[in-house]
C-alpha atoms as a PDB file:
ATOM      1  CA  UNK A   1     -71.768  12.053  -2.680  1.00  0.00           C
ATOM      2  CA  UNK A   2     -73.229  10.295   0.215  1.00  0.00           C
ATOM      3  CA  UNK A   3     -72.033   8.256   3.206  1.00  0.00           C
ATOM      4  CA  UNK A   4     -71.650   5.474   0.985  1.00  0.00           C
ATOM      5  CA  UNK A   5     -69.809   7.116  -1.297  1.00  0.00           C
ATOM      6  CA  UNK A   6     -67.513   8.076   1.146  1.00  0.00           C
ATOM      7  CA  UNK A   7     -67.463   5.250   2.823  1.00  0.00           C
ATOM      8  CA  UNK A   8     -66.067   3.368   0.080  1.00  0.00           C
ATOM      9  CA  UNK A   9     -63.787   5.731  -1.271  1.00  0.00           C
ATOM     10  CA  UNK A  10     -62.021   5.664   2.157  1.00  0.00           C
ATOM     11  CA  UNK A  11     -62.114   2.032   1.994  1.00  0.00           C
ATOM     12  CA  UNK A  12     -60.644   1.801  -1.729  1.00  0.00           C
ATOM     13  CA  UNK A  13     -57.713   4.093  -0.104  1.00  0.00           C
ATOM     14  CA  UNK A  14     -57.445   2.309   2.908  1.00  0.00           C
ATOM     15  CA  UNK A  15     -56.702  -1.010   0.833  1.00  0.00           C
ATOM     16  CA  UNK A  16     -54.230   0.273  -1.112  1.00  0.00           C
ATOM     17  CA  UNK A  17     -52.362   1.761   2.142  1.00  0.00           C
ATOM     18  CA  UNK A  18     -53.187  -1.424   4.313  1.00  0.00           C
ATOM     19  CA  UNK A  19     -51.489  -3.760   1.573  1.00  0.00           C
ATOM     20  CA  UNK A  20     -48.549  -1.480   1.162  1.00  0.00           C
ATOM     21  CA  UNK A  21     -47.626  -0.836   4.744  1.00  0.00           C
ATOM     22  CA  UNK A  22     -48.333  -4.603   5.074  1.00  0.00           C
ATOM     23  CA  UNK A  23     -46.016  -5.571   2.300  1.00  0.00           C
ATOM     24  CA  UNK A  24     -42.994  -3.061   4.011  1.00  0.00           C
ATOM     25  CA  UNK A  25     -44.339  -4.570   7.736  1.00  0.00           C
ATOM     26  CA  UNK A  26     -43.898  -7.876   6.613  1.00  0.00           C
ATOM     27  CA  UNK A  27     -40.325  -7.324   4.649  1.00  0.00           C
ATOM     28  CA  UNK A  28     -38.886  -5.578   8.096  1.00  0.00           C
ATOM     29  CA  UNK A  29     -40.358  -8.599   9.660  1.00  0.00           C
ATOM     30  CA  UNK A  30     -38.581 -11.177   7.452  1.00  0.00           C
ATOM     31  CA  UNK A  31     -35.531  -9.137   8.375  1.00  0.00           C
ATOM     32  CA  UNK A  32     -36.076  -9.179  11.795  1.00  0.00           C
ATOM     33  CA  UNK A  33     -36.507 -13.031  11.628  1.00  0.00           C
ATOM     34  CA  UNK A  34     -33.358 -13.629  10.102  1.00  0.00           C
ATOM     35  CA  UNK A  35     -31.324 -11.445  12.292  1.00  0.00           C
ATOM     36  CA  UNK A  36     -33.347 -13.562  15.169  1.00  0.00           C
ATOM     37  CA  UNK A  37     -31.969 -16.735  13.409  1.00  0.00           C
ATOM     38  CA  UNK A  38     -28.550 -15.836  13.467  1.00  0.00           C
ATOM     39  CA  UNK A  39     -28.951 -14.523  17.022  1.00  0.00           C
ATOM     40  CA  UNK A  40     -30.548 -17.959  18.186  1.00  0.00           C
ATOM     41  CA  UNK A  41     -27.846 -19.959  15.980  1.00  0.00           C
ATOM     42  CA  UNK A  42     -25.078 -17.174  18.162  1.00  0.00           C
ATOM     43  CA  UNK A  43     -26.770 -18.374  21.151  1.00  0.00           C
ATOM     44  CA  UNK A  44     -27.053 -22.059  20.892  1.00  0.00           C
ATOM     45  CA  UNK A  45     -23.403 -21.886  20.336  1.00  0.00           C
ATOM     46  CA  UNK A  46     -23.199 -19.886  23.610  1.00  0.00           C
ATOM     47  CA  UNK A  47     -25.218 -22.586  25.348  1.00  0.00           C
ATOM     48  CA  UNK A  48     -22.962 -25.184  24.099  1.00  0.00           C
ATOM     49  CA  UNK A  49     -20.449 -23.328  26.171  1.00  0.00           C
ATOM     50  CA  UNK A  50     -22.336 -23.884  29.220  1.00  0.00           C
ATOM     51  CA  UNK A  51     -24.002 -20.886  29.719  1.00  0.00           C
ATOM     52  CA  UNK A  52     -27.808 -21.983  29.076  1.00  0.00           C
ATOM     53  CA  UNK A  53     -29.223 -19.072  31.870  1.00  0.00           C
ATOM     54  CA  UNK A  54     -27.225 -16.925  29.714  1.00  0.00           C
ATOM     55  CA  UNK A  55     -28.449 -18.156  26.207  1.00  0.00           C
ATOM     56  CA  UNK A  56     -31.904 -18.274  27.287  1.00  0.00           C
ATOM     57  CA  UNK A  57     -32.097 -14.347  28.974  1.00  0.00           C
ATOM     58  CA  UNK A  58     -30.337 -13.152  25.928  1.00  0.00           C
ATOM     59  CA  UNK A  59     -33.413 -15.000  23.565  1.00  0.00           C
ATOM     60  CA  UNK A  60     -35.974 -13.836  25.819  1.00  0.00           C
ATOM     61  CA  UNK A  61     -34.741 -10.414  25.604  1.00  0.00           C
ATOM     62  CA  UNK A  62     -34.150 -10.518  21.649  1.00  0.00           C
ATOM     63  CA  UNK A  63     -37.358 -12.030  21.719  1.00  0.00           C
ATOM     64  CA  UNK A  64     -39.353  -9.102  23.270  1.00  0.00           C
ATOM     65  CA  UNK A  65     -37.596  -6.551  21.843  1.00  0.00           C
ATOM     66  CA  UNK A  66     -38.681  -7.834  18.016  1.00  0.00           C
ATOM     67  CA  UNK A  67     -42.545  -7.739  19.817  1.00  0.00           C
ATOM     68  CA  UNK A  68     -42.038  -4.238  20.731  1.00  0.00           C
ATOM     69  CA  UNK A  69     -40.827  -3.026  17.268  1.00  0.00           C
ATOM     70  CA  UNK A  70     -43.368  -5.370  15.485  1.00  0.00           C
ATOM     71  CA  UNK A  71     -46.223  -3.842  17.965  1.00  0.00           C
ATOM     72  CA  UNK A  72     -44.851   0.001  17.492  1.00  0.00           C
ATOM     73  CA  UNK A  73     -44.509  -0.536  13.700  1.00  0.00           C
ATOM     74  CA  UNK A  74     -48.183  -1.896  13.437  1.00  0.00           C
ATOM     75  CA  UNK A  75     -49.019   1.567  15.596  1.00  0.00           C
ATOM     76  CA  UNK A  76     -46.954   3.904  13.277  1.00  0.00           C
ATOM     77  CA  UNK A  77     -48.808   2.392  10.288  1.00  0.00           C
ATOM     78  CA  UNK A  78     -52.062   2.229  11.838  1.00  0.00           C
ATOM     79  CA  UNK A  79     -52.081   6.117  12.703  1.00  0.00           C
ATOM     80  CA  UNK A  80     -50.054   6.886   9.057  1.00  0.00           C
ATOM     81  CA  UNK A  81     -53.520   5.297   7.415  1.00  0.00           C
ATOM     82  CA  UNK A  82     -56.022   7.217  10.122  1.00  0.00           C
ATOM     83  CA  UNK A  83     -54.154  10.220   8.898  1.00  0.00           C
ATOM     84  CA  UNK A  84     -54.785   9.362   5.646  1.00  0.00           C
ATOM     85  CA  UNK A  85     -58.071   8.556   5.652  1.00  0.00           C
ATOM     86  CA  UNK A  86     -58.786  11.328   7.850  1.00  0.00           C
ATOM     87  CA  UNK A  87     -57.224  13.469   4.717  1.00  0.00           C
ATOM     88  CA  UNK A  88     -59.371  11.736   2.001  1.00  0.00           C
ATOM     89  CA  UNK A  89     -62.864  11.890   4.537  1.00  0.00           C
ATOM     90  CA  UNK A  90     -62.099  15.977   4.544  1.00  0.00           C
ATOM     91  CA  UNK A  91     -61.760  15.886   0.999  1.00  0.00           C
ATOM     92  CA  UNK A  92     -65.069  13.751   0.693  1.00  0.00           C
ATOM     93  CA  UNK A  93     -66.520  16.329   2.807  1.00  0.00           C
ATOM     94  CA  UNK A  94     -65.498  19.260   1.057  1.00  0.00           C
ATOM     95  CA  UNK A  95     -66.748  18.074  -2.661  1.00  0.00           C
ATOM     96  CA  UNK A  96     -70.388  17.517  -0.650  1.00  0.00           C
ATOM     97  CA  UNK A  97     -70.629  20.819   0.322  1.00  0.00           C
ATOM     98  CA  UNK A  98     -69.906  22.080  -2.714  1.00  0.00           C
ATOM     99  CA  UNK A  99     -72.070  20.216  -4.422  1.00  0.00           C
ATOM    100  CA  UNK A 100     -74.765  20.959  -1.740  1.00  0.00           C
ATOM    101  CA  UNK A 101     -74.390  24.276  -2.221  1.00  0.00           C
ATOM    102  CA  UNK A 102     -77.100  26.245  -0.752  1.00  0.00           C
ATOM    103  CA  UNK A 103     -79.340  23.602  -0.906  1.00  0.00           C
ATOM    104  CA  UNK A 104     -77.360  21.912   1.745  1.00  0.00           C
ATOM    105  CA  UNK A 105     -77.157  25.130   3.958  1.00  0.00           C
ATOM    106  CA  UNK A 106     -81.051  25.687   3.456  1.00  0.00           C
ATOM    107  CA  UNK A 107     -81.037  21.973   4.921  1.00  0.00           C
ATOM    108  CA  UNK A 108     -78.855  22.353   8.262  1.00  0.00           C
ATOM    109  CA  UNK A 109     -80.621  25.780   8.798  1.00  0.00           C
ATOM    110  CA  UNK A 110     -84.280  23.829   8.960  1.00  0.00           C
ATOM    111  CA  UNK A 111     -82.542  21.802  11.804  1.00  0.00           C
ATOM    112  CA  UNK A 112     -81.804  24.829  13.789  1.00  0.00           C
ATOM    113  CA  UNK A 113     -84.230  25.369  16.845  1.00  0.00           C
ATOM    114  CA  UNK A 114     -86.327  28.532  16.567  1.00  0.00           C
ATOM    115  CA  UNK A 115     -84.056  31.412  18.152  1.00  0.00           C
ATOM    116  CA  UNK A 116     -82.917  34.786  17.397  1.00  0.00           C
ATOM    117  CA  UNK A 117     -79.573  33.908  16.451  1.00  0.00           C
ATOM    118  CA  UNK A 118     -76.835  36.336  16.904  1.00  0.00           C
ATOM    119  CA  UNK A 119     -73.704  35.189  15.664  1.00  0.00           C
ATOM    120  CA  UNK A 120     -73.344  32.574  12.391  1.00  0.00           C
ATOM    121  CA  UNK A 121     -69.932  31.551  11.268  1.00  0.00           C
ATOM    122  CA  UNK A 122     -70.133  30.471   7.742  1.00  0.00           C
ATOM    123  CA  UNK A 123     -67.835  29.097   5.016  1.00  0.00           C
ATOM    124  CA  UNK A 124     -66.779  32.176   2.567  1.00  0.00           C
ATOM    125  CA  UNK A 125     -69.005  30.251  -0.014  1.00  0.00           C
ATOM    126  CA  UNK A 126     -71.753  30.949   1.722  1.00  0.00           C
ATOM    127  CA  UNK A 127     -71.467  34.411   2.078  1.00  0.00           C
ATOM    128  CA  UNK A 128     -73.861  34.854  -0.818  1.00  0.00           C
ATOM    129  CA  UNK A 129     -76.708  32.708   1.102  1.00  0.00           C
ATOM    130  CA  UNK A 130     -76.377  33.853   4.832  1.00  0.00           C
ATOM    131  CA  UNK A 131     -78.693  36.661   4.555  1.00  0.00           C
ATOM    132  CA  UNK A 132     -81.098  35.122   3.651  1.00  0.00           C
ATOM    133  CA  UNK A 133     -81.110  32.206   6.588  1.00  0.00           C
ATOM    134  CA  UNK A 134     -79.519  34.931   9.205  1.00  0.00           C
ATOM    135  CA  UNK A 135     -80.306  38.806   8.022  1.00  0.00           C
ATOM    136  CA  UNK A 136     -79.791  39.995  11.610  1.00  0.00           C
ATOM    137  CA  UNK A 137     -76.694  37.701  13.122  1.00  0.00           C
ATOM    138  CA  UNK A 138     -72.944  39.014  12.743  1.00  0.00           C
ATOM    139  CA  UNK A 139     -71.611  36.744  10.331  1.00  0.00           C
ATOM    140  CA  UNK A 140     -67.900  35.665  10.300  1.00  0.00           C
ATOM    141  CA  UNK A 141     -66.095  33.143   8.114  1.00  0.00           C
ATOM    142  CA  UNK A 142     -63.976  30.185   8.780  1.00  0.00           C
ATOM    143  CA  UNK A 143     -62.785  27.931   5.776  1.00  0.00           C
ATOM    144  CA  UNK A 144     -61.801  25.552   8.218  1.00  0.00           C
ATOM    145  CA  UNK A 145     -65.238  24.494   8.463  1.00  0.00           C
ATOM    146  CA  UNK A 146     -65.800  22.617   5.218  1.00  0.00           C
ATOM    147  CA  UNK A 147     -69.445  23.435   5.014  1.00  0.00           C
ATOM    148  CA  UNK A 148     -72.322  24.297   6.704  1.00  0.00           C
ATOM    149  CA  UNK A 149     -72.303  26.973   9.635  1.00  0.00           C
ATOM    150  CA  UNK A 150     -71.527  26.844  13.633  1.00  0.00           C
ATOM    151  CA  UNK A 151     -74.925  29.185  14.968  1.00  0.00           C
ATOM    152  CA  UNK A 152     -74.844  31.431  18.555  1.00  0.00           C
ATOM    153  CA  UNK A 153     -77.863  32.454  20.226  1.00  0.00           C
ATOM    154  CA  UNK A 154     -78.479  34.174  24.011  1.00  0.00           C
ATOM    155  CA  UNK A 155     -75.188  36.125  24.339  1.00  0.00           C
ATOM    156  CA  UNK A 156     -72.991  32.880  23.438  1.00  0.00           C
ATOM    157  CA  UNK A 157     -74.975  30.856  25.781  1.00  0.00           C
ATOM    158  CA  UNK A 158     -75.994  28.218  22.823  1.00  0.00           C
ATOM    159  CA  UNK A 159     -73.895  27.504  20.466  1.00  0.00           C
ATOM    160  CA  UNK A 160     -74.731  24.536  17.301  1.00  0.00           C
ATOM    161  CA  UNK A 161     -71.855  23.201  15.525  1.00  0.00           C
ATOM    162  CA  UNK A 162     -74.332  22.483  12.155  1.00  0.00           C
ATOM    163  CA  UNK A 163     -70.860  22.583   9.974  1.00  0.00           C
ATOM    164  CA  UNK A 164     -70.017  19.455   8.197  1.00  0.00           C
ATOM    165  CA  UNK A 165     -66.314  19.423   9.609  1.00  0.00           C
ATOM    166  CA  UNK A 166     -68.180  19.472  13.114  1.00  0.00           C
ATOM    167  CA  UNK A 167     -70.092  16.313  11.863  1.00  0.00           C
ATOM    168  CA  UNK A 168     -67.118  14.641  10.570  1.00  0.00           C
ATOM    169  CA  UNK A 169     -65.231  15.486  13.958  1.00  0.00           C
ATOM    170  CA  UNK A 170     -68.033  13.592  16.206  1.00  0.00           C
ATOM    171  CA  UNK A 171     -68.401  10.693  13.752  1.00  0.00           C
ATOM    172  CA  UNK A 172     -64.912  10.118  12.865  1.00  0.00           C
ATOM    173  CA  UNK A 173     -64.336   8.016  15.315  1.00  0.00           C
ATOM    174  CA  UNK A 174     -66.832   5.618  15.044  1.00  0.00           C
ATOM    175  CA  UNK A 175     -66.608   5.837  11.074  1.00  0.00           C
ATOM    176  CA  UNK A 176     -62.721   4.873  11.259  1.00  0.00           C
ATOM    177  CA  UNK A 177     -63.439   1.751  13.323  1.00  0.00           C
ATOM    178  CA  UNK A 178     -65.824   0.486  11.067  1.00  0.00           C
ATOM    179  CA  UNK A 179     -63.429   1.073   7.846  1.00  0.00           C
ATOM    180  CA  UNK A 180     -60.591  -0.645   9.578  1.00  0.00           C
ATOM    181  CA  UNK A 181     -62.626  -3.241  10.845  1.00  0.00           C
ATOM    182  CA  UNK A 182     -63.833  -3.995   7.307  1.00  0.00           C
ATOM    183  CA  UNK A 183     -60.460  -3.411   5.733  1.00  0.00           C
ATOM    184  CA  UNK A 184     -59.232  -6.287   8.282  1.00  0.00           C
ATOM    185  CA  UNK A 185     -61.994  -8.554   7.141  1.00  0.00           C
ATOM    186  CA  UNK A 186     -61.158  -7.878   3.328  1.00  0.00           C
ATOM    187  CA  UNK A 187     -57.583  -8.134   4.439  1.00  0.00           C
ATOM    188  CA  UNK A 188     -58.389 -11.699   6.230  1.00  0.00           C
ATOM    189  CA  UNK A 189     -60.425 -12.840   2.852  1.00  0.00           C
ATOM    190  CA  UNK A 190     -57.477 -12.080   0.534  1.00  0.00           C
ATOM    191  CA  UNK A 191     -55.367 -14.079   2.379  1.00  0.00           C
ATOM    192  CA  UNK A 192     -57.488 -17.063   2.320  1.00  0.00           C
ATOM    193  CA  UNK A 193     -57.795 -16.645  -1.095  1.00  0.00           C
ATOM    194  CA  UNK A 194     -54.039 -16.161  -1.597  1.00  0.00           C
ATOM    195  CA  UNK A 195     -53.870 -19.411   0.754  1.00  0.00           C
ATOM    196  CA  UNK A 196     -56.298 -21.671  -1.662  1.00  0.00           C
ATOM    197  CA  UNK A 197     -55.332 -20.366  -5.039  1.00  0.00           C
ATOM    198  CA  UNK A 198     -51.557 -21.186  -3.923  1.00  0.00           C
END
């Protein structure tokens, strides 16, 4: 599965999560608005009792608290969505590694500079291929790599992470930002369509 399919899968999952989180957040915002309305009515009664300054201070405090709660809830939803998307991306990368098999491993080996690699960390699946490409290296297994390998040369002074997990780590901030931006754009378009339809 390529980058386009990974991006599309991440977008679909993210859209579902964003819609669900958005609906939950809207419910909490509506509840808070109701509470604020009740608070405003109560404050209005205080204003009639010549306590205008106290009323204004309470109104500001209530608005500040509401904005903070909305901001905190938005951050919580964003963090949860980012974690879910990361897990989905890792599953997609794992599928790509399995589907790529030895051909993917061979391609990643070709990207390396021509050095005497002394240590190679691989996924358990690569055990059958590693001796062909790194016959003199000490081989260690690490299932967290999700495909590819980490190679060391020069007594550990040179280390190249050519694993799919490493690539995902390097590109995740940019990929996540792109997916979230596209989701936000799609959400705005969906909201605009809903407004024109109603």
